[in-house]
N, C-alpha and C. Protein backbone atom coordinates (compact mmCIF):
# COMPACT_ATOMS: atom_id res chain seq x y z
N MET A 1 45.06 143.71 205.64
CA MET A 1 46.16 144.66 205.53
C MET A 1 45.86 146.25 206.26
N LYS A 2 44.59 146.61 206.14
CA LYS A 2 44.49 147.79 206.79
C LYS A 2 44.67 147.64 208.41
N SER A 3 44.60 146.71 209.34
CA SER A 3 44.51 146.42 210.36
C SER A 3 46.14 146.44 210.42
N SER A 4 46.76 145.84 209.73
CA SER A 4 48.45 145.80 209.99
C SER A 4 48.73 147.18 209.93
N VAL A 5 48.52 147.99 208.81
CA VAL A 5 48.92 149.54 208.75
C VAL A 5 48.40 150.20 210.08
N LYS A 6 47.18 150.14 210.35
CA LYS A 6 46.74 150.59 211.61
C LYS A 6 47.59 150.44 212.82
N LEU A 7 48.15 149.40 212.91
CA LEU A 7 48.78 148.73 214.11
C LEU A 7 50.14 149.48 213.90
N VAL A 8 50.84 149.39 212.93
CA VAL A 8 51.84 150.06 212.94
C VAL A 8 52.10 151.64 213.22
N LEU A 9 51.07 152.15 212.52
CA LEU A 9 50.60 153.66 212.73
C LEU A 9 50.60 153.99 214.17
N ASP A 10 49.60 153.39 214.85
CA ASP A 10 49.67 153.54 216.34
C ASP A 10 50.80 153.38 217.08
N ALA A 11 51.70 152.21 216.90
CA ALA A 11 52.92 151.94 217.56
C ALA A 11 53.77 153.00 217.21
N LYS A 12 53.87 153.60 216.08
CA LYS A 12 54.57 154.73 216.00
C LYS A 12 54.15 155.69 216.80
N ARG A 13 52.77 155.97 216.96
CA ARG A 13 52.40 157.36 217.60
C ARG A 13 52.75 157.04 219.08
N VAL A 14 52.66 155.68 219.52
CA VAL A 14 52.70 155.62 220.88
C VAL A 14 54.10 156.05 221.12
N ALA A 15 55.14 155.24 220.39
CA ALA A 15 56.54 155.25 220.52
C ALA A 15 56.96 157.04 220.59
N HIS A 16 56.47 157.67 220.01
CA HIS A 16 56.48 159.14 219.70
C HIS A 16 56.18 159.79 220.86
N GLU A 17 54.86 159.43 221.52
CA GLU A 17 54.61 159.89 222.76
C GLU A 17 55.48 159.86 223.93
N ILE A 18 55.89 158.47 224.17
CA ILE A 18 57.03 157.88 225.12
C ILE A 18 58.37 158.67 224.89
N ASN A 19 58.95 159.14 223.75
CA ASN A 19 59.89 159.57 223.78
C ASN A 19 59.55 160.97 224.05
N GLU A 20 58.58 161.72 223.65
CA GLU A 20 58.28 162.96 224.36
C GLU A 20 58.50 162.93 225.95
N ASP A 21 57.54 162.33 226.29
CA ASP A 21 57.50 162.08 227.82
C ASP A 21 59.02 162.08 228.58
N LEU A 22 59.80 160.96 228.14
CA LEU A 22 61.26 160.62 228.44
C LEU A 22 62.15 162.16 228.26
N SER A 23 61.84 162.90 227.16
CA SER A 23 62.32 163.98 226.99
C SER A 23 61.93 165.09 228.23
N ASP A 24 60.77 164.93 228.24
CA ASP A 24 60.34 165.97 229.54
C ASP A 24 60.85 165.53 230.90
N ILE A 25 60.94 164.32 231.21
CA ILE A 25 61.54 163.99 232.58
C ILE A 25 62.85 164.20 232.48
N ALA A 26 63.96 163.95 231.49
CA ALA A 26 65.02 164.20 231.63
C ALA A 26 65.18 165.84 231.68
N ALA A 27 64.19 166.59 231.08
CA ALA A 27 64.71 168.03 231.17
C ALA A 27 64.14 168.67 232.56
N GLU A 28 63.35 167.80 233.27
CA GLU A 28 63.02 168.17 234.84
C GLU A 28 64.01 167.74 235.59
N ALA A 29 64.66 166.69 235.36
CA ALA A 29 65.64 166.07 236.27
C ALA A 29 67.01 167.15 236.13
N THR A 30 67.20 167.72 234.89
CA THR A 30 68.13 168.25 234.77
C THR A 30 67.79 169.67 235.53
N ALA A 31 66.86 170.27 235.58
CA ALA A 31 66.52 171.55 235.90
C ALA A 31 66.72 171.46 237.37
N GLU A 32 66.23 170.20 238.28
CA GLU A 32 66.08 170.12 239.56
C GLU A 32 67.84 170.06 239.75
N VAL A 33 68.61 169.47 239.16
CA VAL A 33 69.92 169.15 239.66
C VAL A 33 70.64 170.79 239.23
N PHE A 34 70.30 171.22 238.68
CA PHE A 34 70.84 172.83 238.41
C PHE A 34 70.22 173.75 239.13
N ALA A 35 69.16 173.43 240.04
CA ALA A 35 68.46 174.64 241.17
C ALA A 35 69.31 174.01 242.36
N SER A 36 69.47 172.77 242.31
CA SER A 36 69.98 172.24 243.44
C SER A 36 71.36 173.03 243.76
N ASP A 37 72.04 172.95 242.57
CA ASP A 37 73.55 173.33 242.62
C ASP A 37 73.67 174.74 242.98
N LEU A 38 72.50 175.51 242.38
CA LEU A 38 72.54 176.97 242.80
C LEU A 38 72.15 177.37 244.02
N GLN A 39 71.47 176.37 244.59
CA GLN A 39 70.91 176.54 246.34
C GLN A 39 71.99 176.10 246.65
N GLU A 40 73.10 175.27 246.66
CA GLU A 40 74.25 175.06 247.37
C GLU A 40 75.40 175.91 247.38
N GLY A 41 75.14 177.14 246.48
CA GLY A 41 76.30 177.85 246.16
C GLY A 41 77.28 177.69 245.33
N ALA A 42 77.19 176.88 244.42
CA ALA A 42 78.24 176.34 243.50
C ALA A 42 78.37 177.47 242.63
N ASP A 43 80.00 177.76 242.40
CA ASP A 43 80.17 178.71 241.48
C ASP A 43 80.18 178.38 239.99
N VAL A 44 80.01 177.14 239.79
CA VAL A 44 79.76 176.83 238.34
C VAL A 44 79.02 175.33 238.39
N PRO A 45 77.53 175.47 238.08
CA PRO A 45 76.82 174.18 237.92
C PRO A 45 77.71 172.94 237.51
N ARG A 46 77.33 171.77 238.02
CA ARG A 46 78.24 170.67 237.41
C ARG A 46 77.75 170.36 236.05
N GLN A 47 78.58 169.57 235.29
CA GLN A 47 78.43 169.55 233.96
C GLN A 47 77.64 168.16 233.71
N PRO A 48 76.86 167.92 233.18
CA PRO A 48 76.33 166.35 233.01
C PRO A 48 77.28 165.66 232.15
N THR A 49 77.21 164.19 232.80
CA THR A 49 78.33 163.12 232.00
C THR A 49 77.72 162.87 230.91
N LYS A 50 78.31 162.78 229.75
CA LYS A 50 77.92 161.83 228.68
C LYS A 50 78.08 160.64 228.78
N LYS A 51 77.12 159.77 228.08
CA LYS A 51 77.00 158.30 228.10
C LYS A 51 77.95 157.86 227.02
N THR A 52 78.89 157.10 226.97
CA THR A 52 79.32 156.58 225.62
C THR A 52 78.45 155.32 225.53
N ARG A 53 78.39 155.43 223.86
CA ARG A 53 77.53 154.16 223.63
C ARG A 53 78.83 153.34 222.90
N SER A 54 78.72 152.04 223.21
CA SER A 54 79.85 150.94 222.69
C SER A 54 79.07 150.63 221.12
N THR A 55 80.08 150.72 220.28
CA THR A 55 79.60 150.48 219.00
C THR A 55 80.21 148.77 218.50
N SER A 56 79.27 148.40 218.18
CA SER A 56 79.69 147.00 217.48
C SER A 56 79.72 146.89 215.86
N ALA A 57 80.81 146.68 215.32
CA ALA A 57 81.02 146.61 214.00
C ALA A 57 80.79 145.31 213.35
N THR A 58 79.86 145.15 212.58
CA THR A 58 79.47 143.69 211.89
C THR A 58 80.07 143.59 210.55
N THR A 59 80.75 142.71 209.95
CA THR A 59 81.21 142.69 208.73
C THR A 59 81.02 141.26 208.23
């Protein structure tokens, strides 16, 4: 039982770390696009497009 709990806790920790890393990468990419827009002399930096999620209702 202890090993199962430890495995779950380790998996949650790793998932959290991966999520933080992905957030950092996304922030860096956004900053690069913003800086690129400023260098190109854009009056207004482009707005990021939002991804729509498809929802499936199960009844």
